[in-house]
Amino acid sequence: MADSKAKSPAVELDVEGRTVRVSNPDRVYFPARGETKLDLVRYYLSVSEGIVRALRERPCMMHRFPEGVAGEKVHQKRLPHGAPSWMETVRVKFPRYNRTADELCVTEIAQVAWAVQMSTVEFHPWNSRRADTEQPDEWRIDLDPMPDCPFDRVRRVAHVVHEVLDELGMTGYPKTSGGSGIHIYVRVEPAYGFADVRRAALAFAREVERRAPDDVTTTWWRKDRDPKKLFVDYNQNARDHTIASAYSVRGNPEATVSTPIRWDEIDDVDPKAFTIATVPQRYADLGDLHETIDDKSHDLTPLLEWAARDERDGAEEPPED
């Protein structure tokens, strides 16, 4: 195993006609099996079409680990200095702080590889795109288990989510979170702002809770949630909230990957089995299971009608985050 502190000669990679220089390629990033920085670059190259599809033209926060995942984690909104001219950005506003940032905006795999050269492990894109960063085109259903919630409960709730989406005529694309949860993404028409998408997501979460009250909570304050239940985290649709993209590696020693799955895999899936050591072969065998995610966008009107109904019935409104 390479010494995580040792220096090693840089290597240059040809990435679809771009030259990406990887410094200190033998630095160990993931101690469980000893994968290095260069291993991480090669992983992303192996799923190039999938990761680019997941990130394409979205503002993207980078989670950087300059010393590997055992070291400090840096949340980086702005593209690091020294970027080559072919790196792309999109300017986003942060009204709460009266600031702007030029965030990474991926359009090709070389940009992902360069971000990894700058020690990025995780990619956290917005749910809106460069054409209009204030109009989300992606609704994210985050099945977030509380500390004592077993994964079998996550599986059960995923099936309820699938049932409700089918009734709405909407197509959901599931993936593991890379941790203990499951994410489902739905493409939506970019006709609403973040507040309305979050409102629609809350209405959907409440419907799932009604159908699975023993398994699900939508309680806003964490301290008030049942630790055995699963929280349907509608707030991941709030402005400037991000979660790891499909094919993003997670910053843990095992190098787990947030991996697209089929609905018929839910009952047997083991999220811990998806790592940078295993996902490349799965991708080679199955391709990108989210390949058709952009084929159809859905109208949020039915969910906003549910939201209006809940509000008329006196449902408590969680605070804006």
Protein backbone atom coordinates (compact mmCIF):
# COMPACT_ATOMS: atom_id res chain seq x y z
CA MET A 1 0.00 0.00 0.00
CA ALA A 2 1.30 3.45 -0.86
CA ASP A 3 2.14 5.86 1.94
CA SER A 4 -0.66 8.44 2.11
CA LYS A 5 1.91 11.17 2.83
CA ALA A 6 4.51 10.14 0.26
CA LYS A 7 5.09 12.18 -2.85
CA SER A 8 5.02 10.41 -6.19
CA PRO A 9 5.80 11.71 -9.67
CA ALA A 10 2.92 13.36 -11.49
CA VAL A 11 1.29 11.57 -14.40
CA GLU A 12 -0.40 13.08 -17.43
CA LEU A 13 -3.60 11.58 -18.78
CA ASP A 14 -5.19 12.17 -22.17
CA VAL A 15 -8.88 12.62 -21.37
CA GLU A 16 -10.83 12.91 -24.61
CA GLY A 17 -8.18 15.19 -26.08
CA ARG A 18 -7.55 17.21 -22.90
CA THR A 19 -4.35 16.78 -20.94
CA VAL A 20 -5.03 16.34 -17.22
CA ARG A 21 -1.98 16.32 -14.98
CA VAL A 22 -2.46 14.29 -11.81
CA SER A 23 -0.01 15.25 -9.10
CA ASN A 24 0.90 12.84 -6.31
CA PRO A 25 -1.09 10.02 -7.96
CA ASP A 26 -0.08 7.39 -5.38
CA ARG A 27 -1.45 9.24 -2.38
CA VAL A 28 -3.85 6.89 -0.61
CA TYR A 29 -7.30 8.45 -0.49
CA PHE A 30 -9.31 5.48 0.79
CA PRO A 31 -7.61 3.49 3.56
CA ALA A 32 -9.95 0.48 3.64
CA ARG A 33 -8.43 -1.03 0.49
CA GLY A 34 -5.69 1.48 -0.25
CA GLU A 35 -7.11 3.13 -3.37
CA THR A 36 -5.18 6.18 -4.48
CA LYS A 37 -5.87 9.52 -6.07
CA LEU A 38 -5.09 8.01 -9.48
CA ASP A 39 -7.49 5.15 -8.76
CA LEU A 40 -10.17 7.76 -8.09
CA VAL A 41 -9.50 9.52 -11.40
CA ARG A 42 -9.65 6.20 -13.24
CA TYR A 43 -12.93 5.33 -11.53
CA TYR A 44 -14.56 8.53 -12.78
CA LEU A 45 -13.21 7.91 -16.28
CA SER A 46 -14.78 4.44 -16.21
CA VAL A 47 -18.27 5.94 -15.63
CA SER A 48 -17.65 9.04 -17.71
CA GLU A 49 -20.96 9.25 -19.56
CA GLY A 50 -22.96 8.61 -16.39
CA ILE A 51 -21.20 11.16 -14.19
CA VAL A 52 -21.32 13.82 -16.91
CA ARG A 53 -25.04 13.19 -17.40
CA ALA A 54 -25.60 13.57 -13.66
CA LEU A 55 -23.68 16.85 -13.49
CA ARG A 56 -24.26 18.37 -16.92
CA GLU A 57 -24.62 22.15 -16.82
CA ARG A 58 -25.48 22.21 -13.12
CA PRO A 59 -23.73 24.43 -10.57
CA CYS A 60 -21.68 21.95 -8.60
CA MET A 61 -20.18 22.11 -5.13
CA MET A 62 -16.98 20.12 -4.72
CA HIS A 63 -16.21 18.21 -1.53
CA ARG A 64 -12.43 18.12 -1.47
CA PHE A 65 -10.13 15.98 0.68
CA PRO A 66 -6.57 17.26 0.08
CA GLU A 67 -5.04 14.58 2.35
CA GLY A 68 -7.46 11.78 1.49
CA VAL A 69 -10.73 10.99 3.24
CA ALA A 70 -9.03 10.53 6.62
CA GLY A 71 -8.07 14.20 6.53
CA GLU A 72 -9.89 17.51 6.44
CA LYS A 73 -12.95 17.93 4.26
CA VAL A 74 -13.30 21.19 2.32
CA HIS A 75 -16.68 22.32 0.95
CA GLN A 76 -15.73 24.34 -2.12
CA LYS A 77 -18.32 26.40 -3.95
CA ARG A 78 -15.89 28.37 -6.12
CA LEU A 79 -13.77 26.81 -8.82
CA PRO A 80 -10.18 26.64 -7.48
CA HIS A 81 -7.60 29.06 -8.84
CA GLY A 82 -5.37 27.90 -11.65
CA ALA A 83 -8.07 26.14 -13.64
CA PRO A 84 -7.34 25.58 -17.34
CA SER A 85 -9.28 27.65 -19.88
CA TRP A 86 -11.52 24.71 -20.80
CA MET A 87 -13.00 24.42 -17.32
CA GLU A 88 -16.52 25.90 -17.23
CA THR A 89 -18.41 27.70 -14.48
CA VAL A 90 -21.81 29.19 -13.76
CA ARG A 91 -22.36 32.16 -11.47
CA VAL A 92 -24.86 31.60 -8.68
CA LYS A 93 -26.18 33.97 -6.05
CA PHE A 94 -26.44 33.49 -2.31
CA PRO A 95 -28.97 36.15 -1.24
CA ARG A 96 -28.68 35.30 2.45
CA TYR A 97 -25.04 36.39 2.39
CA ASN A 98 -25.30 38.89 -0.48
CA ARG A 99 -22.57 36.98 -2.35
CA THR A 100 -22.01 35.20 -5.64
CA ALA A 101 -19.79 32.29 -6.61
CA ASP A 102 -18.56 30.91 -9.92
CA GLU A 103 -19.20 27.21 -9.40
CA LEU A 104 -17.96 24.28 -11.45
CA CYS A 105 -20.29 23.55 -14.38
CA VAL A 106 -19.47 20.19 -15.95
CA THR A 107 -19.99 19.60 -19.66
CA GLU A 108 -17.27 16.97 -20.32
CA ILE A 109 -15.39 14.28 -18.42
CA ALA A 110 -12.03 16.07 -18.45
CA GLN A 111 -13.53 18.69 -16.14
CA VAL A 112 -14.42 15.95 -13.66
CA ALA A 113 -10.89 14.55 -13.89
CA TRP A 114 -9.37 18.00 -13.29
CA ALA A 115 -11.61 18.48 -10.24
CA VAL A 116 -10.32 15.17 -8.87
CA GLN A 117 -6.77 16.38 -9.50
CA MET A 118 -7.72 19.26 -7.20
CA SER A 119 -8.63 16.62 -4.55
CA THR A 120 -12.38 16.51 -5.18
CA VAL A 121 -13.94 13.22 -4.07
CA GLU A 122 -17.66 14.08 -3.98
CA PHE A 123 -19.69 16.04 -6.53
CA HIS A 124 -22.80 17.80 -5.21
CA PRO A 125 -24.77 19.47 -8.03
CA TRP A 126 -27.73 21.82 -7.76
CA ASN A 127 -31.11 20.61 -8.99
CA SER A 128 -31.20 23.42 -11.56
CA ARG A 129 -29.09 24.11 -14.64
CA ARG A 130 -27.03 26.92 -16.07
CA ALA A 131 -29.81 28.13 -18.42
CA ASP A 132 -31.78 29.30 -15.36
CA THR A 133 -30.34 28.45 -11.99
CA GLU A 134 -33.51 29.66 -10.24
CA GLN A 135 -35.79 27.12 -12.00
CA PRO A 136 -35.14 23.55 -10.83
CA ASP A 137 -35.64 20.73 -13.32
CA GLU A 138 -34.96 17.94 -10.83
CA TRP A 139 -37.08 16.88 -7.86
CA ARG A 140 -35.14 14.85 -5.32
CA ILE A 141 -36.77 12.33 -3.00
CA ASP A 142 -34.26 11.63 -0.23
CA LEU A 143 -35.06 8.58 1.90
CA ASP A 144 -32.95 9.43 4.93
CA PRO A 145 -33.01 6.81 7.70
CA MET A 146 -32.77 7.97 11.28
CA PRO A 147 -30.02 6.37 13.42
CA ASP A 148 -32.00 3.28 14.49
CA CYS A 149 -33.87 2.78 11.21
CA PRO A 150 -33.03 -0.58 9.58
CA PHE A 151 -32.37 -0.75 5.85
CA ASP A 152 -35.37 -3.06 5.38
CA ARG A 153 -37.52 -0.06 6.31
CA VAL A 154 -35.77 2.01 3.63
CA ARG A 155 -36.62 -0.72 1.11
CA ARG A 156 -40.30 -0.74 2.15
CA VAL A 157 -40.60 3.01 1.86
CA ALA A 158 -38.89 2.99 -1.54
CA HIS A 159 -41.66 0.69 -2.78
CA VAL A 160 -44.31 3.08 -1.43
CA VAL A 161 -42.58 5.96 -3.23
CA HIS A 162 -42.62 3.91 -6.44
CA GLU A 163 -46.34 3.21 -5.98
CA VAL A 164 -47.21 6.88 -5.52
CA LEU A 165 -45.08 7.96 -8.47
CA ASP A 166 -46.79 5.38 -10.67
CA GLU A 167 -50.19 6.71 -9.65
CA LEU A 168 -49.02 10.20 -10.60
CA GLY A 169 -47.72 8.95 -13.95
CA MET A 170 -44.20 10.02 -13.05
CA THR A 171 -40.96 8.16 -13.65
CA GLY A 172 -38.52 8.00 -10.75
CA TYR A 173 -34.86 7.03 -11.06
CA PRO A 174 -33.52 5.42 -7.87
CA LYS A 175 -29.94 5.27 -6.65
CA THR A 176 -28.18 4.38 -3.47
CA SER A 177 -26.98 7.38 -1.51
CA GLY A 178 -23.54 5.91 -0.93
CA GLY A 179 -24.51 5.79 2.73
CA SER A 180 -27.54 4.25 4.39
CA GLY A 181 -30.32 5.79 2.31
CA ILE A 182 -31.85 5.80 -1.14
CA HIS A 183 -32.43 8.77 -3.44
CA ILE A 184 -35.04 8.92 -6.20
CA TYR A 185 -34.78 11.61 -8.86
CA VAL A 186 -37.66 12.86 -11.02
CA ARG A 187 -37.23 15.25 -13.92
CA VAL A 188 -39.71 18.12 -13.72
CA GLU A 189 -40.58 20.97 -16.01
CA PRO A 190 -38.46 24.02 -15.04
CA ALA A 191 -41.58 26.11 -14.49
CA TYR A 192 -41.34 26.75 -10.75
CA GLY A 193 -38.89 28.19 -8.25
CA PHE A 194 -37.20 26.33 -5.41
CA ALA A 195 -39.93 27.17 -2.89
CA ASP A 196 -42.63 25.54 -5.02
CA VAL A 197 -40.54 22.45 -5.75
CA ARG A 198 -39.87 22.07 -2.02
CA ARG A 199 -43.58 22.56 -1.32
CA ALA A 200 -44.45 19.85 -3.86
CA ALA A 201 -41.82 17.56 -2.35
CA LEU A 202 -43.32 18.07 1.13
CA ALA A 203 -46.81 17.22 -0.16
CA PHE A 204 -45.44 14.02 -1.69
CA ALA A 205 -43.60 13.15 1.53
CA ARG A 206 -46.81 13.59 3.52
CA GLU A 207 -48.65 11.22 1.17
CA VAL A 208 -45.92 8.61 1.64
CA GLU A 209 -46.19 9.11 5.42
CA ARG A 210 -49.98 8.61 5.27
CA ARG A 211 -49.46 5.30 3.48
CA ALA A 212 -46.65 4.08 5.72
CA PRO A 213 -47.18 5.82 9.09
CA ASP A 214 -45.23 3.21 11.03
CA ASP A 215 -42.17 3.64 8.83
CA VAL A 216 -42.07 7.32 7.80
CA THR A 217 -41.79 10.71 9.45
CA THR A 218 -41.95 14.20 7.97
CA THR A 219 -41.35 15.89 11.34
CA TRP A 220 -39.20 18.95 10.76
CA TRP A 221 -37.07 19.06 13.92
CA ARG A 222 -34.61 16.22 14.14
CA LYS A 223 -34.87 16.05 17.93
CA ASP A 224 -38.60 15.34 17.60
CA ARG A 225 -38.29 12.46 15.10
CA ASP A 226 -38.65 8.82 16.05
CA PRO A 227 -35.09 7.42 15.74
CA LYS A 228 -36.45 4.18 14.26
CA LYS A 229 -38.25 5.86 11.37
CA LEU A 230 -37.22 7.09 7.95
CA PHE A 231 -37.32 10.83 7.23
CA VAL A 232 -38.42 11.75 3.70
CA ASP A 233 -36.17 14.79 3.39
CA TYR A 234 -38.13 17.21 1.23
CA ASN A 235 -35.75 20.00 2.25
CA GLN A 236 -33.13 18.67 -0.17
CA ASN A 237 -35.14 20.60 -2.77
CA ALA A 238 -34.56 23.94 -1.06
CA ARG A 239 -32.36 26.49 -2.77
CA ASP A 240 -28.62 25.81 -2.50
CA HIS A 241 -29.15 22.38 -0.93
CA THR A 242 -27.20 19.66 -2.65
CA ILE A 243 -26.67 15.92 -2.35
CA ALA A 244 -24.11 13.64 -3.95
CA SER A 245 -24.85 12.96 -7.60
CA ALA A 246 -25.31 9.63 -9.29
CA TYR A 247 -21.86 8.00 -9.61
CA SER A 248 -20.33 10.33 -7.03
CA VAL A 249 -17.87 8.62 -4.72
CA ARG A 250 -18.46 9.31 -1.04
CA GLY A 251 -15.79 10.50 1.34
CA ASN A 252 -15.47 7.39 3.48
CA PRO A 253 -12.66 4.82 3.86
CA GLU A 254 -14.50 2.22 1.75
CA ALA A 255 -15.01 4.59 -1.23
CA THR A 256 -18.69 3.77 -1.60
CA VAL A 257 -20.49 5.14 -4.64
CA SER A 258 -23.95 6.66 -5.01
CA THR A 259 -25.08 4.13 -7.61
CA PRO A 260 -28.11 4.01 -9.93
CA ILE A 261 -30.20 0.89 -9.38
CA ARG A 262 -33.29 -0.67 -10.93
CA TRP A 263 -36.55 -0.75 -9.02
CA ASP A 264 -36.44 -4.54 -9.06
CA GLU A 265 -33.10 -4.46 -7.22
CA ILE A 266 -34.50 -2.67 -4.17
CA ASP A 267 -35.23 -5.81 -2.14
CA ASP A 268 -31.76 -7.29 -2.56
CA VAL A 269 -29.49 -4.28 -2.96
CA ASP A 270 -26.53 -3.91 -0.59
CA PRO A 271 -25.40 -0.27 -0.79
CA LYS A 272 -22.04 -1.11 0.79
CA ALA A 273 -21.24 -3.39 -2.16
CA PHE A 274 -21.07 -0.42 -4.55
CA THR A 275 -17.54 1.01 -4.40
CA ILE A 276 -14.95 2.33 -6.83
CA ALA A 277 -13.66 -1.26 -6.94
CA THR A 278 -16.99 -2.75 -8.09
CA VAL A 279 -19.03 -0.09 -9.88
CA PRO A 280 -16.83 0.09 -13.04
CA GLN A 281 -17.65 -3.54 -13.90
CA ARG A 282 -21.33 -3.02 -13.07
CA TYR A 283 -21.34 0.03 -15.33
CA ALA A 284 -19.61 -1.91 -18.11
CA ASP A 285 -22.24 -4.65 -17.82
CA LEU A 286 -25.39 -2.53 -17.39
CA GLY A 287 -24.51 0.89 -18.76
CA ASP A 288 -25.99 3.98 -17.14
CA LEU A 289 -29.33 3.05 -15.57
CA HIS A 290 -30.20 6.77 -15.59
CA GLU A 291 -29.56 7.05 -19.33
CA THR A 292 -33.18 7.99 -20.10
CA ILE A 293 -33.69 10.39 -17.19
CA ASP A 294 -33.83 13.43 -19.49
CA ASP A 295 -36.32 11.90 -21.92
CA LYS A 296 -39.41 13.22 -20.15
CA SER A 297 -40.13 16.02 -17.68
CA HIS A 298 -43.18 15.99 -15.43
CA ASP A 299 -45.67 18.65 -14.36
CA LEU A 300 -45.73 19.42 -10.63
CA THR A 301 -49.32 20.72 -10.70
CA PRO A 302 -50.83 17.60 -9.05
CA LEU A 303 -48.38 17.81 -6.16
CA LEU A 304 -48.97 21.53 -5.71
CA GLU A 305 -52.70 20.78 -5.55
CA TRP A 306 -51.94 18.24 -2.81
CA ALA A 307 -49.92 20.94 -1.02
CA ALA A 308 -52.82 23.40 -1.21
CA ARG A 309 -55.18 20.74 0.17
CA ASP A 310 -52.86 20.01 3.09
CA GLU A 311 -52.55 23.71 3.85
CA ARG A 312 -56.34 24.12 3.83
CA ASP A 313 -56.57 21.19 6.21
CA GLY A 314 -54.24 22.93 8.64
CA ALA A 315 -50.99 21.01 8.03
CA GLU A 316 -48.09 22.60 9.88
CA GLU A 317 -45.71 24.43 7.57
CA PRO A 318 -42.01 23.82 8.27
CA PRO A 319 -39.80 26.91 8.34
CA GLU A 320 -37.95 28.02 5.24
CA ASP A 321 -34.35 26.80 5.35
